[in-house]
Amino acid sequence: MKDNIRTQKVVVTFSVFLYAIVVPYLEINNTHVFNPDWTPHVRIHEVWQLITNSSIGVLCLWLVWLKREVLISSILCMIITGGFIMSFLLKDFYGGSMKFMDGSEKTLFGLNIGIVGFGLAFVLLIIALFNYLKRK
């Protein structure tokens, strides 16, 4: 049981690292938050999303590391990472894109970097949560 919780802590921490640290690092610049082509309304939504996701990340770390609350912290992480995956899959419906204004896109192994990172995190969260619940 102790190994299960340890694994879940690592997976939650990895997920939080991606959406609470890496994403703000990649987006607090002129491609997103300070993009002169974005309207002020769009920018406020971007900053709101960054603050909300980072705050939820801090909550998840507190839950899993100090309260040993694996289920809720894992589900919250899955909501954030899964939310990105869903928005990516629905991008044609609402006219979204992961390409920058110059047409470039951050990729890894030929796939969008967000899908690679959040896809990996989401799958790891599902596996670790399934194993945790199975052994509980």
C-alpha atoms as a PDB file:
ATOM      1  CA  MET A   1       0.000   0.000   0.000  1.00  0.00           C
ATOM      2  CA  LYS A   2       2.862   2.391   0.819  1.00  0.00           C
ATOM      3  CA  ASP A   3       4.387   1.897  -2.659  1.00  0.00           C
ATOM      4  CA  ASN A   4       0.980   2.645  -4.197  1.00  0.00           C
ATOM      5  CA  ILE A   5       0.764   5.985  -2.423  1.00  0.00           C
ATOM      6  CA  ARG A   6       4.385   6.789  -3.262  1.00  0.00           C
ATOM      7  CA  THR A   7       3.739   6.096  -6.958  1.00  0.00           C
ATOM      8  CA  GLN A   8       0.607   8.240  -6.892  1.00  0.00           C
ATOM      9  CA  LYS A   9       2.519  11.079  -5.210  1.00  0.00           C
ATOM     10  CA  VAL A  10       5.155  10.986  -7.956  1.00  0.00           C
ATOM     11  CA  VAL A  11       2.562  10.876 -10.751  1.00  0.00           C
ATOM     12  CA  VAL A  12       0.528  13.740  -9.255  1.00  0.00           C
ATOM     13  CA  THR A  13       3.717  15.756  -8.738  1.00  0.00           C
ATOM     14  CA  PHE A  14       4.767  15.163 -12.355  1.00  0.00           C
ATOM     15  CA  SER A  15       1.343  16.266 -13.597  1.00  0.00           C
ATOM     16  CA  VAL A  16       1.336  19.376 -11.411  1.00  0.00           C
ATOM     17  CA  PHE A  17       4.856  20.217 -12.569  1.00  0.00           C
ATOM     18  CA  LEU A  18       3.621  20.208 -16.176  1.00  0.00           C
ATOM     19  CA  TYR A  19       0.492  22.330 -15.740  1.00  0.00           C
ATOM     20  CA  ALA A  20       1.503  24.573 -12.818  1.00  0.00           C
ATOM     21  CA  ILE A  21       5.130  25.298 -13.697  1.00  0.00           C
ATOM     22  CA  VAL A  22       5.953  24.342 -17.297  1.00  0.00           C
ATOM     23  CA  VAL A  23       2.803  25.812 -18.882  1.00  0.00           C
ATOM     24  CA  PRO A  24       3.106  29.221 -17.150  1.00  0.00           C
ATOM     25  CA  TYR A  25       6.808  29.267 -18.086  1.00  0.00           C
ATOM     26  CA  LEU A  26       5.868  28.662 -21.741  1.00  0.00           C
ATOM     27  CA  GLU A  27       2.949  31.105 -21.775  1.00  0.00           C
ATOM     28  CA  ILE A  28       4.006  34.170 -19.781  1.00  0.00           C
ATOM     29  CA  ASN A  29       5.655  35.836 -22.775  1.00  0.00           C
ATOM     30  CA  ASN A  30       4.786  37.528 -26.060  1.00  0.00           C
ATOM     31  CA  THR A  31       3.283  34.370 -27.598  1.00  0.00           C
ATOM     32  CA  HIS A  32       0.469  34.272 -25.042  1.00  0.00           C
ATOM     33  CA  VAL A  33      -0.024  36.613 -22.072  1.00  0.00           C
ATOM     34  CA  PHE A  34       1.772  39.586 -23.666  1.00  0.00           C
ATOM     35  CA  ASN A  35       0.824  38.814 -27.263  1.00  0.00           C
ATOM     36  CA  PRO A  36       0.014  42.163 -28.915  1.00  0.00           C
ATOM     37  CA  ASP A  37      -2.384  40.429 -31.320  1.00  0.00           C
ATOM     38  CA  TRP A  38      -4.540  39.094 -28.499  1.00  0.00           C
ATOM     39  CA  THR A  39      -7.413  41.161 -27.216  1.00  0.00           C
ATOM     40  CA  PRO A  40      -7.379  42.203 -23.556  1.00  0.00           C
ATOM     41  CA  HIS A  41     -10.383  39.913 -23.012  1.00  0.00           C
ATOM     42  CA  VAL A  42      -8.471  36.888 -24.302  1.00  0.00           C
ATOM     43  CA  ARG A  43      -5.451  37.776 -22.159  1.00  0.00           C
ATOM     44  CA  ILE A  44      -7.520  37.941 -18.975  1.00  0.00           C
ATOM     45  CA  HIS A  45      -8.857  34.454 -19.685  1.00  0.00           C
ATOM     46  CA  GLU A  46      -5.310  33.187 -20.253  1.00  0.00           C
ATOM     47  CA  VAL A  47      -4.006  34.642 -16.986  1.00  0.00           C
ATOM     48  CA  TRP A  48      -7.102  33.382 -15.145  1.00  0.00           C
ATOM     49  CA  GLN A  49      -6.482  29.866 -16.488  1.00  0.00           C
ATOM     50  CA  LEU A  50      -2.811  29.976 -15.497  1.00  0.00           C
ATOM     51  CA  ILE A  51      -3.583  31.170 -11.954  1.00  0.00           C
ATOM     52  CA  THR A  52      -6.454  28.697 -11.519  1.00  0.00           C
ATOM     53  CA  ASN A  53      -4.506  25.690 -12.766  1.00  0.00           C
ATOM     54  CA  SER A  54      -1.424  26.576 -10.718  1.00  0.00           C
ATOM     55  CA  SER A  55      -3.560  27.065  -7.607  1.00  0.00           C
ATOM     56  CA  ILE A  56      -5.262  23.716  -8.138  1.00  0.00           C
ATOM     57  CA  GLY A  57      -1.783  22.225  -8.562  1.00  0.00           C
ATOM     58  CA  VAL A  58      -0.727  23.550  -5.149  1.00  0.00           C
ATOM     59  CA  LEU A  59      -3.929  22.087  -3.679  1.00  0.00           C
ATOM     60  CA  CYS A  60      -3.192  18.712  -5.320  1.00  0.00           C
ATOM     61  CA  LEU A  61       0.326  18.641  -3.893  1.00  0.00           C
ATOM     62  CA  TRP A  62      -0.989  19.508  -0.440  1.00  0.00           C
ATOM     63  CA  LEU A  63      -3.665  16.829  -0.695  1.00  0.00           C
ATOM     64  CA  VAL A  64      -1.411  14.028  -1.886  1.00  0.00           C
ATOM     65  CA  TRP A  65       1.749  14.819   0.117  1.00  0.00           C
ATOM     66  CA  LEU A  66       0.371  16.105   3.414  1.00  0.00           C
ATOM     67  CA  LYS A  67      -3.157  14.721   3.611  1.00  0.00           C
ATOM     68  CA  ARG A  68      -2.388  11.482   1.726  1.00  0.00           C
ATOM     69  CA  GLU A  69      -5.576  12.095  -0.282  1.00  0.00           C
ATOM     70  CA  VAL A  70      -4.806  10.252  -3.490  1.00  0.00           C
ATOM     71  CA  LEU A  71      -8.247  10.059  -5.084  1.00  0.00           C
ATOM     72  CA  ILE A  72      -9.215  13.743  -5.103  1.00  0.00           C
ATOM     73  CA  SER A  73      -5.753  15.018  -6.051  1.00  0.00           C
ATOM     74  CA  SER A  74      -5.538  12.515  -8.917  1.00  0.00           C
ATOM     75  CA  ILE A  75      -8.996  13.383 -10.219  1.00  0.00           C
ATOM     76  CA  LEU A  76      -8.215  17.115 -10.119  1.00  0.00           C
ATOM     77  CA  CYS A  77      -5.021  16.504 -12.085  1.00  0.00           C
ATOM     78  CA  MET A  78      -6.961  14.387 -14.576  1.00  0.00           C
ATOM     79  CA  ILE A  79      -9.509  17.180 -15.012  1.00  0.00           C
ATOM     80  CA  ILE A  80      -6.783  19.684 -15.884  1.00  0.00           C
ATOM     81  CA  THR A  81      -4.726  17.421 -18.153  1.00  0.00           C
ATOM     82  CA  GLY A  82      -7.834  15.854 -19.681  1.00  0.00           C
ATOM     83  CA  GLY A  83      -9.342  19.303 -20.198  1.00  0.00           C
ATOM     84  CA  PHE A  84      -6.397  20.245 -22.376  1.00  0.00           C
ATOM     85  CA  ILE A  85      -6.679  17.000 -24.347  1.00  0.00           C
ATOM     86  CA  MET A  86     -10.411  17.605 -24.914  1.00  0.00           C
ATOM     87  CA  SER A  87      -9.842  21.218 -25.996  1.00  0.00           C
ATOM     88  CA  PHE A  88      -7.187  20.000 -28.444  1.00  0.00           C
ATOM     89  CA  LEU A  89      -9.514  17.323 -29.856  1.00  0.00           C
ATOM     90  CA  LEU A  90     -12.333  19.885 -30.230  1.00  0.00           C
ATOM     91  CA  LYS A  91     -10.140  22.641 -31.741  1.00  0.00           C
ATOM     92  CA  ASP A  92     -11.679  22.381 -35.218  1.00  0.00           C
ATOM     93  CA  PHE A  93     -15.143  22.884 -33.736  1.00  0.00           C
ATOM     94  CA  TYR A  94     -14.294  26.263 -32.199  1.00  0.00           C
ATOM     95  CA  GLY A  95     -11.441  27.355 -34.496  1.00  0.00           C
ATOM     96  CA  GLY A  96      -8.606  26.703 -32.060  1.00  0.00           C
ATOM     97  CA  SER A  97      -5.029  25.885 -32.903  1.00  0.00           C
ATOM     98  CA  MET A  98      -1.772  25.120 -31.171  1.00  0.00           C
ATOM     99  CA  LYS A  99       0.163  26.918 -33.900  1.00  0.00           C
ATOM    100  CA  PHE A 100       1.745  30.271 -33.176  1.00  0.00           C
ATOM    101  CA  MET A 101       1.031  33.337 -35.298  1.00  0.00           C
ATOM    102  CA  ASP A 102       4.094  32.532 -37.454  1.00  0.00           C
ATOM    103  CA  GLY A 103       2.682  29.051 -38.196  1.00  0.00           C
ATOM    104  CA  SER A 104       5.176  27.190 -36.014  1.00  0.00           C
ATOM    105  CA  GLU A 105       4.210  24.662 -33.377  1.00  0.00           C
ATOM    106  CA  LYS A 106       6.128  23.136 -30.470  1.00  0.00           C
ATOM    107  CA  THR A 107       6.375  19.424 -31.185  1.00  0.00           C
ATOM    108  CA  LEU A 108       8.041  16.351 -29.775  1.00  0.00           C
ATOM    109  CA  PHE A 109       8.265  13.164 -31.824  1.00  0.00           C
ATOM    110  CA  GLY A 110       6.169  14.946 -34.470  1.00  0.00           C
ATOM    111  CA  LEU A 111       3.290  15.484 -32.014  1.00  0.00           C
ATOM    112  CA  ASN A 112       2.200  18.652 -30.265  1.00  0.00           C
ATOM    113  CA  ILE A 113       4.201  19.002 -27.058  1.00  0.00           C
ATOM    114  CA  GLY A 114       1.034  19.582 -24.989  1.00  0.00           C
ATOM    115  CA  ILE A 115      -0.522  16.343 -26.210  1.00  0.00           C
ATOM    116  CA  VAL A 116       2.694  14.436 -25.491  1.00  0.00           C
ATOM    117  CA  GLY A 117       3.098  15.833 -21.963  1.00  0.00           C
ATOM    118  CA  PHE A 118      -0.511  15.937 -20.863  1.00  0.00           C
ATOM    119  CA  GLY A 119      -1.290  12.671 -22.655  1.00  0.00           C
ATOM    120  CA  LEU A 120       1.529  10.959 -20.777  1.00  0.00           C
ATOM    121  CA  ALA A 121       0.442  12.535 -17.479  1.00  0.00           C
ATOM    122  CA  PHE A 122      -3.201  11.536 -18.048  1.00  0.00           C
ATOM    123  CA  VAL A 123      -2.313   7.924 -18.856  1.00  0.00           C
ATOM    124  CA  LEU A 124       0.037   7.694 -15.859  1.00  0.00           C
ATOM    125  CA  LEU A 125      -2.671   9.143 -13.599  1.00  0.00           C
ATOM    126  CA  ILE A 126      -5.197   6.571 -14.821  1.00  0.00           C
ATOM    127  CA  ILE A 127      -2.767   3.666 -14.373  1.00  0.00           C
ATOM    128  CA  ALA A 128      -1.570   4.770 -10.943  1.00  0.00           C
ATOM    129  CA  LEU A 129      -5.094   5.533  -9.746  1.00  0.00           C
ATOM    130  CA  PHE A 130      -6.370   2.190 -11.030  1.00  0.00           C
ATOM    131  CA  ASN A 131      -3.543   0.354  -9.236  1.00  0.00           C
ATOM    132  CA  TYR A 132      -4.142   2.343  -6.066  1.00  0.00           C
ATOM    133  CA  LEU A 133      -7.879   1.579  -6.044  1.00  0.00           C
ATOM    134  CA  LYS A 134      -7.311  -2.078  -6.947  1.00  0.00           C
ATOM    135  CA  ARG A 135      -4.998  -2.616  -3.961  1.00  0.00           C
ATOM    136  CA  LYS A 136      -6.961  -0.526  -1.516  1.00  0.00           C
END
